[in-house]
Amino acid sequence: MTADPETARARLTARRDELEKLSSISAEDRDAVELDQQSVGRLSRMDAMQRQAMAQAQERARTAELARLDQAMRRLEDGEYGWCVTCGDEIAAARLEVDPAAAVCVECASGGNS
């Protein structure tokens, strides 16, 4: 049984909205760290730089996930959602429940259909 298109669309859209909101919230943390020795000590600056690096890494991960969600939406629109892009078999509903943007079945993801 393939995934219900409306349920899949709702889940993909909700996840996309969540990621965009997180991206907006963390925008300030990704900004350049100002070098101002008067107001920020060396350790505070190092902490700020570490927060910036972590926020940038999280943004890269969000961007990658957004791309996966967009690809899943395209598969949904093309009537190919829920089918493995590698082998063509149906992707288990439980897998899509955990990761609605999954493009491959468990067998292909584990390297079984290389």
PDB file of N, CA and C in Angstrom:
ATOM      1  N   MET A   1       0.832  -1.174   0.000  1.00  0.00           N
ATOM      2  CA  MET A   1       0.000   0.000   0.000  1.00  0.00           C
ATOM      3  C   MET A   1       0.889   1.254   0.000  1.00  0.00           C
ATOM      4  N   THR A   2       0.722   2.104  -0.991  1.00  0.00           N
ATOM      5  CA  THR A   2       1.526   3.322  -1.060  1.00  0.00           C
ATOM      6  C   THR A   2       0.983   4.370  -0.100  1.00  0.00           C
ATOM      7  N   ALA A   3       1.806   5.346   0.180  1.00  0.00           N
ATOM      8  CA  ALA A   3       1.453   6.395   1.143  1.00  0.00           C
ATOM      9  C   ALA A   3       0.299   7.248   0.623  1.00  0.00           C
ATOM     10  N   ASP A   4      -0.552   7.695   1.537  1.00  0.00           N
ATOM     11  CA  ASP A   4      -1.645   8.595   1.194  1.00  0.00           C
ATOM     12  C   ASP A   4      -1.050   9.941   0.785  1.00  0.00           C
ATOM     13  N   PRO A   5      -1.334  10.412  -0.437  1.00  0.00           N
ATOM     14  CA  PRO A   5      -0.716  11.655  -0.921  1.00  0.00           C
ATOM     15  C   PRO A   5      -1.019  12.879  -0.055  1.00  0.00           C
ATOM     16  N   GLU A   6      -2.234  13.008   0.419  1.00  0.00           N
ATOM     17  CA  GLU A   6      -2.579  14.190   1.218  1.00  0.00           C
ATOM     18  C   GLU A   6      -1.873  14.183   2.578  1.00  0.00           C
ATOM     19  N   THR A   7      -1.799  13.017   3.188  1.00  0.00           N
ATOM     20  CA  THR A   7      -1.087  12.902   4.462  1.00  0.00           C
ATOM     21  C   THR A   7       0.392  13.194   4.254  1.00  0.00           C
ATOM     22  N   ALA A   8       0.955  12.631   3.194  1.00  0.00           N
ATOM     23  CA  ALA A   8       2.369  12.862   2.893  1.00  0.00           C
ATOM     24  C   ALA A   8       2.624  14.342   2.638  1.00  0.00           C
ATOM     25  N   ARG A   9       1.772  14.979   1.848  1.00  0.00           N
ATOM     26  CA  ARG A   9       1.933  16.407   1.544  1.00  0.00           C
ATOM     27  C   ARG A   9       1.880  17.238   2.838  1.00  0.00           C
ATOM     28  N   ALA A  10       0.943  16.919   3.710  1.00  0.00           N
ATOM     29  CA  ALA A  10       0.809  17.654   4.971  1.00  0.00           C
ATOM     30  C   ALA A  10       2.049  17.482   5.840  1.00  0.00           C
ATOM     31  N   ARG A  11       2.568  16.264   5.920  1.00  0.00           N
ATOM     32  CA  ARG A  11       3.756  16.010   6.742  1.00  0.00           C
ATOM     33  C   ARG A  11       4.984  16.705   6.166  1.00  0.00           C
ATOM     34  N   LEU A  12       5.146  16.644   4.842  1.00  0.00           N
ATOM     35  CA  LEU A  12       6.287  17.295   4.196  1.00  0.00           C
ATOM     36  C   LEU A  12       6.213  18.816   4.367  1.00  0.00           C
ATOM     37  N   THR A  13       5.042  19.370   4.205  1.00  0.00           N
ATOM     38  CA  THR A  13       4.853  20.813   4.347  1.00  0.00           C
ATOM     39  C   THR A  13       5.101  21.259   5.786  1.00  0.00           C
ATOM     40  N   ALA A  14       4.596  20.489   6.743  1.00  0.00           N
ATOM     41  CA  ALA A  14       4.800  20.824   8.153  1.00  0.00           C
ATOM     42  C   ALA A  14       6.283  20.806   8.509  1.00  0.00           C
ATOM     43  N   ARG A  15       7.005  19.814   8.021  1.00  0.00           N
ATOM     44  CA  ARG A  15       8.437  19.722   8.313  1.00  0.00           C
ATOM     45  C   ARG A  15       9.184  20.879   7.662  1.00  0.00           C
ATOM     46  N   ARG A  16       8.804  21.229   6.429  1.00  0.00           N
ATOM     47  CA  ARG A  16       9.426  22.347   5.724  1.00  0.00           C
ATOM     48  C   ARG A  16       9.210  23.648   6.504  1.00  0.00           C
ATOM     49  N   ASP A  17       7.986  23.862   6.954  1.00  0.00           N
ATOM     50  CA  ASP A  17       7.672  25.069   7.729  1.00  0.00           C
ATOM     51  C   ASP A  17       8.493  25.125   9.018  1.00  0.00           C
ATOM     52  N   GLU A  18       8.615  23.981   9.677  1.00  0.00           N
ATOM     53  CA  GLU A  18       9.399  23.906  10.914  1.00  0.00           C
ATOM     54  C   GLU A  18      10.864  24.272  10.661  1.00  0.00           C
ATOM     55  N   LEU A  19      11.441  23.727   9.577  1.00  0.00           N
ATOM     56  CA  LEU A  19      12.841  24.013   9.267  1.00  0.00           C
ATOM     57  C   LEU A  19      13.048  25.482   8.906  1.00  0.00           C
ATOM     58  N   GLU A  20      12.115  26.054   8.159  1.00  0.00           N
ATOM     59  CA  GLU A  20      12.234  27.460   7.798  1.00  0.00           C
ATOM     60  C   GLU A  20      12.132  28.360   9.031  1.00  0.00           C
ATOM     61  N   LYS A  21      11.278  27.981   9.977  1.00  0.00           N
ATOM     62  CA  LYS A  21      11.153  28.752  11.215  1.00  0.00           C
ATOM     63  C   LYS A  21      12.456  28.667  12.025  1.00  0.00           C
ATOM     64  N   LEU A  22      13.019  27.467  12.135  1.00  0.00           N
ATOM     65  CA  LEU A  22      14.289  27.304  12.846  1.00  0.00           C
ATOM     66  C   LEU A  22      15.401  28.108  12.183  1.00  0.00           C
ATOM     67  N   SER A  23      15.406  28.133  10.868  1.00  0.00           N
ATOM     68  CA  SER A  23      16.416  28.891  10.133  1.00  0.00           C
ATOM     69  C   SER A  23      16.287  30.380  10.435  1.00  0.00           C
ATOM     70  N   SER A  24      15.072  30.853  10.476  1.00  0.00           N
ATOM     71  CA  SER A  24      14.827  32.262  10.771  1.00  0.00           C
ATOM     72  C   SER A  24      15.268  32.612  12.193  1.00  0.00           C
ATOM     73  N   ILE A  25      14.955  31.736  13.124  1.00  0.00           N
ATOM     74  CA  ILE A  25      15.309  31.972  14.532  1.00  0.00           C
ATOM     75  C   ILE A  25      16.821  32.021  14.728  1.00  0.00           C
ATOM     76  N   SER A  26      17.558  31.181  14.001  1.00  0.00           N
ATOM     77  CA  SER A  26      19.002  31.091  14.219  1.00  0.00           C
ATOM     78  C   SER A  26      19.811  32.021  13.324  1.00  0.00           C
ATOM     79  N   ALA A  27      19.155  32.866  12.547  1.00  0.00           N
ATOM     80  CA  ALA A  27      19.871  33.743  11.613  1.00  0.00           C
ATOM     81  C   ALA A  27      20.898  34.620  12.319  1.00  0.00           C
ATOM     82  N   GLU A  28      20.535  35.168  13.451  1.00  0.00           N
ATOM     83  CA  GLU A  28      21.451  36.055  14.172  1.00  0.00           C
ATOM     84  C   GLU A  28      22.687  35.297  14.661  1.00  0.00           C
ATOM     85  N   ASP A  29      22.512  34.051  15.075  1.00  0.00           N
ATOM     86  CA  ASP A  29      23.640  33.253  15.558  1.00  0.00           C
ATOM     87  C   ASP A  29      24.650  32.946  14.456  1.00  0.00           C
ATOM     88  N   ARG A  30      24.203  32.972  13.196  1.00  0.00           N
ATOM     89  CA  ARG A  30      25.092  32.665  12.073  1.00  0.00           C
ATOM     90  C   ARG A  30      25.859  33.894  11.582  1.00  0.00           C
ATOM     91  N   ASP A  31      25.477  35.074  12.055  1.00  0.00           N
ATOM     92  CA  ASP A  31      26.142  36.306  11.636  1.00  0.00           C
ATOM     93  C   ASP A  31      27.600  36.308  12.087  1.00  0.00           C
ATOM     94  N   ALA A  32      28.381  37.129  11.428  1.00  0.00           N
ATOM     95  CA  ALA A  32      29.803  37.258  11.775  1.00  0.00           C
ATOM     96  C   ALA A  32      29.950  37.739  13.212  1.00  0.00           C
ATOM     97  N   VAL A  33      30.959  37.204  13.878  1.00  0.00           N
ATOM     98  CA  VAL A  33      31.254  37.606  15.254  1.00  0.00           C
ATOM     99  C   VAL A  33      32.105  38.857  15.205  1.00  0.00           C
ATOM    100  N   GLU A  34      31.652  39.890  15.887  1.00  0.00           N
ATOM    101  CA  GLU A  34      32.362  41.172  15.895  1.00  0.00           C
ATOM    102  C   GLU A  34      33.601  41.084  16.795  1.00  0.00           C
ATOM    103  N   LEU A  35      34.658  41.695  16.335  1.00  0.00           N
ATOM    104  CA  LEU A  35      35.879  41.785  17.130  1.00  0.00           C
ATOM    105  C   LEU A  35      35.862  43.123  17.860  1.00  0.00           C
ATOM    106  N   ASP A  36      35.497  43.054  19.122  1.00  0.00           N
ATOM    107  CA  ASP A  36      35.418  44.259  19.944  1.00  0.00           C
ATOM    108  C   ASP A  36      35.989  43.906  21.316  1.00  0.00           C
ATOM    109  N   GLN A  37      37.257  44.118  21.479  1.00  0.00           N
ATOM    110  CA  GLN A  37      37.930  43.737  22.713  1.00  0.00           C
ATOM    111  C   GLN A  37      37.443  44.539  23.918  1.00  0.00           C
ATOM    112  N   GLN A  38      36.826  45.669  23.685  1.00  0.00           N
ATOM    113  CA  GLN A  38      36.343  46.492  24.783  1.00  0.00           C
ATOM    114  C   GLN A  38      35.140  45.846  25.474  1.00  0.00           C
ATOM    115  N   SER A  39      34.234  45.274  24.683  1.00  0.00           N
ATOM    116  CA  SER A  39      32.991  44.774  25.277  1.00  0.00           C
ATOM    117  C   SER A  39      32.960  43.253  25.417  1.00  0.00           C
ATOM    118  N   VAL A  40      33.808  42.574  24.701  1.00  0.00           N
ATOM    119  CA  VAL A  40      33.773  41.112  24.744  1.00  0.00           C
ATOM    120  C   VAL A  40      35.179  40.601  24.995  1.00  0.00           C
ATOM    121  N   GLY A  41      35.336  39.827  26.033  1.00  0.00           N
ATOM    122  CA  GLY A  41      36.637  39.246  26.336  1.00  0.00           C
ATOM    123  C   GLY A  41      36.980  38.120  25.370  1.00  0.00           C
ATOM    124  N   ARG A  42      38.219  37.663  25.421  1.00  0.00           N
ATOM    125  CA  ARG A  42      38.697  36.640  24.502  1.00  0.00           C
ATOM    126  C   ARG A  42      37.885  35.355  24.603  1.00  0.00           C
ATOM    127  N   LEU A  43      37.593  34.903  25.829  1.00  0.00           N
ATOM    128  CA  LEU A  43      36.835  33.669  25.986  1.00  0.00           C
ATOM    129  C   LEU A  43      35.401  33.822  25.514  1.00  0.00           C
ATOM    130  N   SER A  44      34.802  34.981  25.774  1.00  0.00           N
ATOM    131  CA  SER A  44      33.447  35.231  25.300  1.00  0.00           C
ATOM    132  C   SER A  44      33.412  35.227  23.774  1.00  0.00           C
ATOM    133  N   ARG A  45      34.437  35.812  23.159  1.00  0.00           N
ATOM    134  CA  ARG A  45      34.519  35.814  21.693  1.00  0.00           C
ATOM    135  C   ARG A  45      34.668  34.395  21.169  1.00  0.00           C
ATOM    136  N   MET A  46      35.473  33.590  21.844  1.00  0.00           N
ATOM    137  CA  MET A  46      35.637  32.196  21.415  1.00  0.00           C
ATOM    138  C   MET A  46      34.310  31.450  21.534  1.00  0.00           C
ATOM    139  N   ASP A  47      33.579  31.692  22.605  1.00  0.00           N
ATOM    140  CA  ASP A  47      32.256  31.081  22.769  1.00  0.00           C
ATOM    141  C   ASP A  47      31.328  31.520  21.646  1.00  0.00           C
ATOM    142  N   ALA A  48      31.361  32.809  21.323  1.00  0.00           N
ATOM    143  CA  ALA A  48      30.510  33.331  20.252  1.00  0.00           C
ATOM    144  C   ALA A  48      30.883  32.699  18.916  1.00  0.00           C
ATOM    145  N   MET A  49      32.169  32.521  18.673  1.00  0.00           N
ATOM    146  CA  MET A  49      32.617  31.904  17.417  1.00  0.00           C
ATOM    147  C   MET A  49      32.189  30.435  17.360  1.00  0.00           C
ATOM    148  N   GLN A  50      32.239  29.756  18.500  1.00  0.00           N
ATOM    149  CA  GLN A  50      31.801  28.366  18.540  1.00  0.00           C
ATOM    150  C   GLN A  50      30.293  28.276  18.288  1.00  0.00           C
ATOM    151  N   ARG A  51      29.512  29.159  18.900  1.00  0.00           N
ATOM    152  CA  ARG A  51      28.064  29.194  18.646  1.00  0.00           C
ATOM    153  C   ARG A  51      27.778  29.467  17.169  1.00  0.00           C
ATOM    154  N   GLN A  52      28.555  30.387  16.587  1.00  0.00           N
ATOM    155  CA  GLN A  52      28.381  30.708  15.181  1.00  0.00           C
ATOM    156  C   GLN A  52      28.662  29.480  14.311  1.00  0.00           C
ATOM    157  N   ALA A  53      29.754  28.782  14.581  1.00  0.00           N
ATOM    158  CA  ALA A  53      30.109  27.596  13.798  1.00  0.00           C
ATOM    159  C   ALA A  53      29.040  26.505  13.928  1.00  0.00           C
ATOM    160  N   MET A  54      28.521  26.331  15.135  1.00  0.00           N
ATOM    161  CA  MET A  54      27.469  25.328  15.336  1.00  0.00           C
ATOM    162  C   MET A  54      26.191  25.736  14.611  1.00  0.00           C
ATOM    163  N   ALA A  55      25.843  27.017  14.662  1.00  0.00           N
ATOM    164  CA  ALA A  55      24.640  27.502  13.977  1.00  0.00           C
ATOM    165  C   ALA A  55      24.789  27.357  12.467  1.00  0.00           C
ATOM    166  N   GLN A  56      25.980  27.603  11.948  1.00  0.00           N
ATOM    167  CA  GLN A  56      26.210  27.448  10.509  1.00  0.00           C
ATOM    168  C   GLN A  56      26.117  25.983  10.098  1.00  0.00           C
ATOM    169  N   ALA A  57      26.646  25.081  10.919  1.00  0.00           N
ATOM    170  CA  ALA A  57      26.551  23.650  10.623  1.00  0.00           C
ATOM    171  C   ALA A  57      25.098  23.188  10.647  1.00  0.00           C
ATOM    172  N   GLN A  58      24.339  23.677  11.621  1.00  0.00           N
ATOM    173  CA  GLN A  58      22.918  23.320  11.684  1.00  0.00           C
ATOM    174  C   GLN A  58      22.176  23.857  10.466  1.00  0.00           C
ATOM    175  N   GLU A  59      22.535  25.036  10.015  1.00  0.00           N
ATOM    176  CA  GLU A  59      21.882  25.611   8.828  1.00  0.00           C
ATOM    177  C   GLU A  59      22.197  24.786   7.587  1.00  0.00           C
ATOM    178  N   ARG A  60      23.436  24.315   7.462  1.00  0.00           N
ATOM    179  CA  ARG A  60      23.780  23.447   6.318  1.00  0.00           C
ATOM    180  C   ARG A  60      22.946  22.171   6.343  1.00  0.00           C
ATOM    181  N   ALA A  61      22.766  21.601   7.531  1.00  0.00           N
ATOM    182  CA  ALA A  61      21.947  20.388   7.664  1.00  0.00           C
ATOM    183  C   ALA A  61      20.486  20.688   7.313  1.00  0.00           C
ATOM    184  N   ARG A  62      19.980  21.832   7.761  1.00  0.00           N
ATOM    185  CA  ARG A  62      18.602  22.226   7.427  1.00  0.00           C
ATOM    186  C   ARG A  62      18.439  22.411   5.924  1.00  0.00           C
ATOM    187  N   THR A  63      19.420  23.043   5.288  1.00  0.00           N
ATOM    188  CA  THR A  63      19.365  23.271   3.846  1.00  0.00           C
ATOM    189  C   THR A  63      19.334  21.942   3.098  1.00  0.00           C
ATOM    190  N   ALA A  64      20.135  20.995   3.533  1.00  0.00           N
ATOM    191  CA  ALA A  64      20.139  19.674   2.902  1.00  0.00           C
ATOM    192  C   ALA A  64      18.789  18.983   3.096  1.00  0.00           C
ATOM    193  N   GLU A  65      18.224  19.095   4.288  1.00  0.00           N
ATOM    194  CA  GLU A  65      16.924  18.468   4.529  1.00  0.00           C
ATOM    195  C   GLU A  65      15.824  19.150   3.718  1.00  0.00           C
ATOM    196  N   LEU A  66      15.896  20.460   3.584  1.00  0.00           N
ATOM    197  CA  LEU A  66      14.918  21.171   2.756  1.00  0.00           C
ATOM    198  C   LEU A  66      14.982  20.694   1.311  1.00  0.00           C
ATOM    199  N   ALA A  67      16.181  20.439   0.810  1.00  0.00           N
ATOM    200  CA  ALA A  67      16.337  19.926  -0.556  1.00  0.00           C
ATOM    201  C   ALA A  67      15.695  18.537  -0.670  1.00  0.00           C
ATOM    202  N   ARG A  68      15.890  17.697   0.343  1.00  0.00           N
ATOM    203  CA  ARG A  68      15.273  16.365   0.341  1.00  0.00           C
ATOM    204  C   ARG A  68      13.747  16.470   0.355  1.00  0.00           C
ATOM    205  N   LEU A  69      13.228  17.421   1.148  1.00  0.00           N
ATOM    206  CA  LEU A  69      11.778  17.624   1.207  1.00  0.00           C
ATOM    207  C   LEU A  69      11.240  18.093  -0.139  1.00  0.00           C
ATOM    208  N   ASP A  70      11.972  18.991  -0.803  1.00  0.00           N
ATOM    209  CA  ASP A  70      11.557  19.460  -2.125  1.00  0.00           C
ATOM    210  C   ASP A  70      11.532  18.312  -3.132  1.00  0.00           C
ATOM    211  N   GLN A  71      12.537  17.455  -3.066  1.00  0.00           N
ATOM    212  CA  GLN A  71      12.574  16.289  -3.964  1.00  0.00           C
ATOM    213  C   GLN A  71      11.402  15.359  -3.682  1.00  0.00           C
ATOM    214  N   ALA A  72      11.080  15.170  -2.410  1.00  0.00           N
ATOM    215  CA  ALA A  72       9.941  14.320  -2.045  1.00  0.00           C
ATOM    216  C   ALA A  72       8.638  14.920  -2.556  1.00  0.00           C
ATOM    217  N   MET A  73       8.499  16.238  -2.473  1.00  0.00           N
ATOM    218  CA  MET A  73       7.290  16.898  -2.987  1.00  0.00           C
ATOM    219  C   MET A  73       7.191  16.711  -4.505  1.00  0.00           C
ATOM    220  N   ARG A  74       8.316  16.787  -5.203  1.00  0.00           N
ATOM    221  CA  ARG A  74       8.295  16.561  -6.653  1.00  0.00           C
ATOM    222  C   ARG A  74       7.878  15.128  -6.965  1.00  0.00           C
ATOM    223  N   ARG A  75       8.403  14.165  -6.184  1.00  0.00           N
ATOM    224  CA  ARG A  75       7.999  12.764  -6.399  1.00  0.00           C
ATOM    225  C   ARG A  75       6.509  12.610  -6.127  1.00  0.00           C
ATOM    226  N   LEU A  76       6.020  13.303  -5.129  1.00  0.00           N
ATOM    227  CA  LEU A  76       4.595  13.255  -4.787  1.00  0.00           C
ATOM    228  C   LEU A  76       3.761  13.795  -5.951  1.00  0.00           C
ATOM    229  N   GLU A  77       4.162  14.941  -6.497  1.00  0.00           N
ATOM    230  CA  GLU A  77       3.451  15.541  -7.622  1.00  0.00           C
ATOM    231  C   GLU A  77       3.506  14.663  -8.873  1.00  0.00           C
ATOM    232  N   ASP A  78       4.612  13.926  -9.032  1.00  0.00           N
ATOM    233  CA  ASP A  78       4.778  13.051 -10.201  1.00  0.00           C
ATOM    234  C   ASP A  78       4.156  11.675 -10.006  1.00  0.00           C
ATOM    235  N   GLY A  79       3.572  11.442  -8.824  1.00  0.00           N
ATOM    236  CA  GLY A  79       2.970  10.147  -8.550  1.00  0.00           C
ATOM    237  C   GLY A  79       3.982   9.051  -8.240  1.00  0.00           C
ATOM    238  N   GLU A  80       5.196   9.454  -7.875  1.00  0.00           N
ATOM    239  CA  GLU A  80       6.262   8.481  -7.603  1.00  0.00           C
ATOM    240  C   GLU A  80       6.627   8.414  -6.123  1.00  0.00           C
ATOM    241  N   TYR A  81       5.904   9.159  -5.292  1.00  0.00           N
ATOM    242  CA  TYR A  81       6.204   9.174  -3.862  1.00  0.00           C
ATOM    243  C   TYR A  81       5.881   7.809  -3.263  1.00  0.00           C
ATOM    244  N   GLY A  82       6.769   7.326  -2.408  1.00  0.00           N
ATOM    245  CA  GLY A  82       6.554   6.047  -1.746  1.00  0.00           C
ATOM    246  C   GLY A  82       7.179   4.876  -2.490  1.00  0.00           C
ATOM    247  N   TRP A  83       7.818   5.185  -3.612  1.00  0.00           N
ATOM    248  CA  TRP A  83       8.487   4.145  -4.390  1.00  0.00           C
ATOM    249  C   TRP A  83       9.978   4.448  -4.413  1.00  0.00           C
ATOM    250  N   CYS A  84      10.790   3.424  -4.219  1.00  0.00           N
ATOM    251  CA  CYS A  84      12.243   3.569  -4.156  1.00  0.00           C
ATOM    252  C   CYS A  84      12.786   4.078  -5.494  1.00  0.00           C
ATOM    253  N   VAL A  85      13.593   5.135  -5.447  1.00  0.00           N
ATOM    254  CA  VAL A  85      14.174   5.683  -6.666  1.00  0.00           C
ATOM    255  C   VAL A  85      15.297   4.807  -7.214  1.00  0.00           C
ATOM    256  N   THR A  86      15.781   3.866  -6.421  1.00  0.00           N
ATOM    257  CA  THR A  86      16.860   2.990  -6.858  1.00  0.00           C
ATOM    258  C   THR A  86      16.332   1.712  -7.496  1.00  0.00           C
ATOM    259  N   CYS A  87      15.478   0.988  -6.761  1.00  0.00           N
ATOM    260  CA  CYS A  87      15.024  -0.327  -7.259  1.00  0.00           C
ATOM    261  C   CYS A  87      13.578  -0.319  -7.740  1.00  0.00           C
ATOM    262  N   GLY A  88      12.813   0.701  -7.390  1.00  0.00           N
ATOM    263  CA  GLY A  88      11.420   0.782  -7.813  1.00  0.00           C
ATOM    264  C   GLY A  88      10.439   0.081  -6.901  1.00  0.00           C
ATOM    265  N   ASP A  89      10.929  -0.576  -5.854  1.00  0.00           N
ATOM    266  CA  ASP A  89      10.037  -1.238  -4.905  1.00  0.00           C
ATOM    267  C   ASP A  89       9.360  -0.201  -4.013  1.00  0.00           C
ATOM    268  N   GLU A  90       8.284  -0.614  -3.389  1.00  0.00           N
ATOM    269  CA  GLU A  90       7.569   0.266  -2.479  1.00  0.00           C
ATOM    270  C   GLU A  90       8.392   0.498  -1.213  1.00  0.00           C
ATOM    271  N   ILE A  91       8.409   1.726  -0.746  1.00  0.00           N
ATOM    272  CA  ILE A  91       9.072   2.057   0.516  1.00  0.00           C
ATOM    273  C   ILE A  91       8.071   1.768   1.624  1.00  0.00           C
ATOM    274  N   ALA A  92       8.512   1.072   2.651  1.00  0.00           N
ATOM    275  CA  ALA A  92       7.635   0.689   3.752  1.00  0.00           C
ATOM    276  C   ALA A  92       7.012   1.925   4.403  1.00  0.00           C
ATOM    277  N   ALA A  93       5.734   1.798   4.737  1.00  0.00           N
ATOM    278  CA  ALA A  93       5.008   2.905   5.367  1.00  0.00           C
ATOM    279  C   ALA A  93       5.686   3.336   6.670  1.00  0.00           C
ATOM    280  N   ALA A  94       6.230   2.385   7.413  1.00  0.00           N
ATOM    281  CA  ALA A  94       6.911   2.717   8.667  1.00  0.00           C
ATOM    282  C   ALA A  94       8.138   3.589   8.400  1.00  0.00           C
ATOM    283  N   ARG A  95       8.835   3.324   7.315  1.00  0.00           N
ATOM    284  CA  ARG A  95      10.006   4.141   6.959  1.00  0.00           C
ATOM    285  C   ARG A  95       9.567   5.562   6.611  1.00  0.00           C
ATOM    286  N   LEU A  96       8.492   5.689   5.857  1.00  0.00           N
ATOM    287  CA  LEU A  96       7.988   7.008   5.495  1.00  0.00           C
ATOM    288  C   LEU A  96       7.420   7.736   6.704  1.00  0.00           C
ATOM    289  N   GLU A  97       6.949   6.993   7.675  1.00  0.00           N
ATOM    290  CA  GLU A  97       6.450   7.597   8.909  1.00  0.00           C
ATOM    291  C   GLU A  97       7.607   8.255   9.666  1.00  0.00           C
ATOM    292  N   VAL A  98       8.742   7.572   9.701  1.00  0.00           N
ATOM    293  CA  VAL A  98       9.924   8.090  10.389  1.00  0.00           C
ATOM    294  C   VAL A  98      10.569   9.214   9.581  1.00  0.00           C
ATOM    295  N   ASP A  99      10.655   9.019   8.259  1.00  0.00           N
ATOM    296  CA  ASP A  99      11.299  10.000   7.381  1.00  0.00           C
ATOM    297  C   ASP A  99      10.441  10.189   6.134  1.00  0.00           C
ATOM    298  N   PRO A 100       9.539  11.171   6.159  1.00  0.00           N
ATOM    299  CA  PRO A 100       8.632  11.348   5.029  1.00  0.00           C
ATOM    300  C   PRO A 100       9.337  11.713   3.724  1.00  0.00           C
ATOM    301  N   ALA A 101      10.597  12.112   3.781  1.00  0.00           N
ATOM    302  CA  ALA A 101      11.346  12.462   2.577  1.00  0.00           C
ATOM    303  C   ALA A 101      12.197  11.303   2.066  1.00  0.00           C
ATOM    304  N   ALA A 102      12.061  10.124   2.672  1.00  0.00           N
ATOM    305  CA  ALA A 102      12.868   8.976   2.258  1.00  0.00           C
ATOM    306  C   ALA A 102      12.666   8.691   0.772  1.00  0.00           C
ATOM    307  N   ALA A 103      13.782   8.530   0.059  1.00  0.00           N
ATOM    308  CA  ALA A 103      13.717   8.293  -1.378  1.00  0.00           C
ATOM    309  C   ALA A 103      14.018   6.839  -1.734  1.00  0.00           C
ATOM    310  N   VAL A 104      14.572   6.116  -0.786  1.00  0.00           N
ATOM    311  CA  VAL A 104      14.945   4.724  -1.058  1.00  0.00           C
ATOM    312  C   VAL A 104      14.395   3.802   0.020  1.00  0.00           C
ATOM    313  N   CYS A 105      14.205   2.550  -0.362  1.00  0.00           N
ATOM    314  CA  CYS A 105      13.725   1.543   0.594  1.00  0.00           C
ATOM    315  C   CYS A 105      14.869   1.160   1.552  1.00  0.00           C
ATOM    316  N   VAL A 106      14.517   0.442   2.582  1.00  0.00           N
ATOM    317  CA  VAL A 106      15.506   0.039   3.584  1.00  0.00           C
ATOM    318  C   VAL A 106      16.610  -0.807   2.938  1.00  0.00           C
ATOM    319  N   GLU A 107      16.231  -1.705   2.047  1.00  0.00           N
ATOM    320  CA  GLU A 107      17.208  -2.579   1.384  1.00  0.00           C
ATOM    321  C   GLU A 107      18.250  -1.744   0.628  1.00  0.00           C
ATOM    322  N   CYS A 108      17.802  -0.781  -0.152  1.00  0.00           N
ATOM    323  CA  CYS A 108      18.738   0.053  -0.917  1.00  0.00           C
ATOM    324  C   CYS A 108      19.535   0.976   0.005  1.00  0.00           C
ATOM    325  N   ALA A 109      18.912   1.479   1.044  1.00  0.00           N
ATOM    326  CA  ALA A 109      19.605   2.364   1.988  1.00  0.00           C
ATOM    327  C   ALA A 109      20.734   1.623   2.695  1.00  0.00           C
ATOM    328  N   SER A 110      20.537   0.333   2.920  1.00  0.00           N
ATOM    329  CA  SER A 110      21.576  -0.447   3.605  1.00  0.00           C
ATOM    330  C   SER A 110      22.599  -1.014   2.634  1.00  0.00           C
ATOM    331  N   GLY A 111      22.434  -0.723   1.347  1.00  0.00           N
ATOM    332  CA  GLY A 111      23.398  -1.187   0.341  1.00  0.00           C
ATOM    333  C   GLY A 111      23.075  -2.540  -0.229  1.00  0.00           C
ATOM    334  N   GLY A 112      21.899  -3.068   0.062  1.00  0.00           N
ATOM    335  CA  GLY A 112      21.523  -4.390  -0.428  1.00  0.00           C
ATOM    336  C   GLY A 112      21.278  -4.462  -1.917  1.00  0.00           C
ATOM    337  N   ASN A 113      20.841  -3.367  -2.540  1.00  0.00           N
ATOM    338  CA  ASN A 113      20.561  -3.345  -3.975  1.00  0.00           C
ATOM    339  C   ASN A 113      21.552  -2.454  -4.701  1.00  0.00           C
ATOM    340  N   SER A 114      22.826  -2.681  -4.450  1.00  0.00           N
ATOM    341  CA  SER A 114      23.863  -1.823  -5.058  1.00  0.00           C
ATOM    342  C   SER A 114      24.010  -2.078  -6.520  1.00  0.00           C
TER     343      SER A 114
END
